[in-house]
């Protein structure tokens, strides 16, 4: 096992994300918020993929964020019934 592989495994075992706030979960969410604020046009396929990325990012922040406010925010966001479809493994479709 090379040192990079060992380093990744060590990071995965840590209780909290050591990359916060520069981790992909946080930066990805901020990027999508910016795109939504600019009211960019998305296809339904793009929105379905974005929804999944946002859901996974929120889950990661809820579980791994070293900032208690960040964890609390993600937990509250995930309480919204909107995410029930994602919890069931269903994607966004034209039919809702």
C-alpha atoms as a PDB file:
ATOM      1  CA  UNK A   1       0.000   0.000   0.000  1.00  0.00           C
ATOM      2  CA  UNK A   2       1.496   3.325  -1.018  1.00  0.00           C
ATOM      3  CA  UNK A   3       1.590   6.372   1.250  1.00  0.00           C
ATOM      4  CA  UNK A   4      -1.188   8.208  -0.627  1.00  0.00           C
ATOM      5  CA  UNK A   5      -3.552   5.274  -0.228  1.00  0.00           C
ATOM      6  CA  UNK A   6      -2.685   4.993   3.458  1.00  0.00           C
ATOM      7  CA  UNK A   7      -3.244   8.761   3.887  1.00  0.00           C
ATOM      8  CA  UNK A   8      -6.718   8.551   2.288  1.00  0.00           C
ATOM      9  CA  UNK A   9      -7.678   5.641   4.527  1.00  0.00           C
ATOM     10  CA  UNK A  10      -6.548   7.567   7.604  1.00  0.00           C
ATOM     11  CA  UNK A  11      -8.626  10.604   6.554  1.00  0.00           C
ATOM     12  CA  UNK A  12     -11.697   8.420   6.045  1.00  0.00           C
ATOM     13  CA  UNK A  13     -11.398   7.103   9.602  1.00  0.00           C
ATOM     14  CA  UNK A  14     -11.399  10.581  11.157  1.00  0.00           C
ATOM     15  CA  UNK A  15     -14.586  11.618  12.930  1.00  0.00           C
ATOM     16  CA  UNK A  16     -14.706  15.032  11.259  1.00  0.00           C
ATOM     17  CA  UNK A  17     -13.676  16.265   7.835  1.00  0.00           C
ATOM     18  CA  UNK A  18     -10.199  17.757   7.988  1.00  0.00           C
ATOM     19  CA  UNK A  19     -10.720  19.565   4.673  1.00  0.00           C
ATOM     20  CA  UNK A  20     -13.629  21.738   5.863  1.00  0.00           C
ATOM     21  CA  UNK A  21     -14.475  24.379   4.626  1.00  0.00           C
ATOM     22  CA  UNK A  22     -12.545  23.620   1.437  1.00  0.00           C
ATOM     23  CA  UNK A  23     -14.037  20.143   1.006  1.00  0.00           C
ATOM     24  CA  UNK A  24     -16.056  19.307  -2.075  1.00  0.00           C
ATOM     25  CA  UNK A  25     -19.274  19.058  -0.065  1.00  0.00           C
ATOM     26  CA  UNK A  26     -19.110  22.671   1.035  1.00  0.00           C
ATOM     27  CA  UNK A  27     -17.588  24.187  -2.108  1.00  0.00           C
ATOM     28  CA  UNK A  28     -19.974  22.212  -4.323  1.00  0.00           C
ATOM     29  CA  UNK A  29     -23.008  23.466  -2.407  1.00  0.00           C
ATOM     30  CA  UNK A  30     -21.772  27.045  -2.619  1.00  0.00           C
ATOM     31  CA  UNK A  31     -21.192  26.645  -6.355  1.00  0.00           C
ATOM     32  CA  UNK A  32     -24.739  25.356  -6.938  1.00  0.00           C
ATOM     33  CA  UNK A  33     -26.215  28.112  -4.767  1.00  0.00           C
ATOM     34  CA  UNK A  34     -24.374  30.631  -6.914  1.00  0.00           C
ATOM     35  CA  UNK A  35     -25.697  29.029 -10.110  1.00  0.00           C
ATOM     36  CA  UNK A  36     -29.253  29.017  -8.755  1.00  0.00           C
ATOM     37  CA  UNK A  37     -28.913  32.664  -7.684  1.00  0.00           C
ATOM     38  CA  UNK A  38     -27.867  33.511 -11.255  1.00  0.00           C
ATOM     39  CA  UNK A  39     -30.954  31.598 -12.408  1.00  0.00           C
ATOM     40  CA  UNK A  40     -29.027  29.456 -14.846  1.00  0.00           C
ATOM     41  CA  UNK A  41     -31.104  27.146 -17.023  1.00  0.00           C
ATOM     42  CA  UNK A  42     -30.811  23.430 -16.321  1.00  0.00           C
ATOM     43  CA  UNK A  43     -32.261  20.415 -18.073  1.00  0.00           C
ATOM     44  CA  UNK A  44     -34.285  17.959 -16.000  1.00  0.00           C
ATOM     45  CA  UNK A  45     -31.373  15.508 -16.251  1.00  0.00           C
ATOM     46  CA  UNK A  46     -28.968  18.116 -14.901  1.00  0.00           C
ATOM     47  CA  UNK A  47     -31.355  18.985 -12.075  1.00  0.00           C
ATOM     48  CA  UNK A  48     -31.692  15.312 -11.156  1.00  0.00           C
ATOM     49  CA  UNK A  49     -27.905  14.963 -10.943  1.00  0.00           C
ATOM     50  CA  UNK A  50     -27.551  18.235  -9.026  1.00  0.00           C
ATOM     51  CA  UNK A  51     -30.244  17.170  -6.569  1.00  0.00           C
ATOM     52  CA  UNK A  52     -28.358  13.949  -5.856  1.00  0.00           C
ATOM     53  CA  UNK A  53     -25.060  15.806  -5.369  1.00  0.00           C
ATOM     54  CA  UNK A  54     -26.705  18.302  -3.012  1.00  0.00           C
ATOM     55  CA  UNK A  55     -28.347  15.497  -1.027  1.00  0.00           C
ATOM     56  CA  UNK A  56     -25.070  13.604  -0.676  1.00  0.00           C
ATOM     57  CA  UNK A  57     -23.245  16.816   0.269  1.00  0.00           C
ATOM     58  CA  UNK A  58     -25.813  17.594   2.958  1.00  0.00           C
ATOM     59  CA  UNK A  59     -25.505  14.049   4.307  1.00  0.00           C
ATOM     60  CA  UNK A  60     -21.735  14.378   4.442  1.00  0.00           C
ATOM     61  CA  UNK A  61     -21.916  17.766   6.180  1.00  0.00           C
ATOM     62  CA  UNK A  62     -24.476  16.390   8.637  1.00  0.00           C
ATOM     63  CA  UNK A  63     -22.158  13.502   9.539  1.00  0.00           C
ATOM     64  CA  UNK A  64     -18.645  14.889   9.145  1.00  0.00           C
ATOM     65  CA  UNK A  65     -18.569  18.678   9.447  1.00  0.00           C
ATOM     66  CA  UNK A  66     -16.319  19.882  12.294  1.00  0.00           C
ATOM     67  CA  UNK A  67     -18.493  22.995  12.688  1.00  0.00           C
ATOM     68  CA  UNK A  68     -21.554  22.319  14.888  1.00  0.00           C
ATOM     69  CA  UNK A  69     -23.491  25.059  13.079  1.00  0.00           C
ATOM     70  CA  UNK A  70     -22.780  23.396   9.747  1.00  0.00           C
ATOM     71  CA  UNK A  71     -23.939  20.001  11.041  1.00  0.00           C
ATOM     72  CA  UNK A  72     -27.086  21.536  12.533  1.00  0.00           C
ATOM     73  CA  UNK A  73     -27.860  23.428   9.304  1.00  0.00           C
ATOM     74  CA  UNK A  74     -27.483  20.273   7.179  1.00  0.00           C
ATOM     75  CA  UNK A  75     -29.631  18.268   9.605  1.00  0.00           C
ATOM     76  CA  UNK A  76     -32.397  20.859   9.427  1.00  0.00           C
ATOM     77  CA  UNK A  77     -32.207  20.994   5.630  1.00  0.00           C
ATOM     78  CA  UNK A  78     -32.467  17.200   5.416  1.00  0.00           C
ATOM     79  CA  UNK A  79     -35.625  17.201   7.568  1.00  0.00           C
ATOM     80  CA  UNK A  80     -37.493  18.774   4.649  1.00  0.00           C
ATOM     81  CA  UNK A  81     -39.829  16.179   3.079  1.00  0.00           C
ATOM     82  CA  UNK A  82     -38.387  17.208  -0.312  1.00  0.00           C
ATOM     83  CA  UNK A  83     -35.488  14.820   0.381  1.00  0.00           C
ATOM     84  CA  UNK A  84     -37.708  11.764   0.999  1.00  0.00           C
ATOM     85  CA  UNK A  85     -37.445  10.782  -2.650  1.00  0.00           C
ATOM     86  CA  UNK A  86     -33.638  10.836  -2.444  1.00  0.00           C
ATOM     87  CA  UNK A  87     -33.704   8.754   0.743  1.00  0.00           C
ATOM     88  CA  UNK A  88     -35.699   6.151  -1.178  1.00  0.00           C
ATOM     89  CA  UNK A  89     -33.180   6.203  -4.042  1.00  0.00           C
ATOM     90  CA  UNK A  90     -35.580   7.878  -6.475  1.00  0.00           C
ATOM     91  CA  UNK A  91     -34.447  10.616  -8.860  1.00  0.00           C
ATOM     92  CA  UNK A  92     -36.190  13.774  -9.930  1.00  0.00           C
ATOM     93  CA  UNK A  93     -38.307  13.325 -13.072  1.00  0.00           C
ATOM     94  CA  UNK A  94     -40.507  15.484 -15.290  1.00  0.00           C
ATOM     95  CA  UNK A  95     -43.438  14.224 -13.233  1.00  0.00           C
ATOM     96  CA  UNK A  96     -41.980  15.516  -9.953  1.00  0.00           C
END
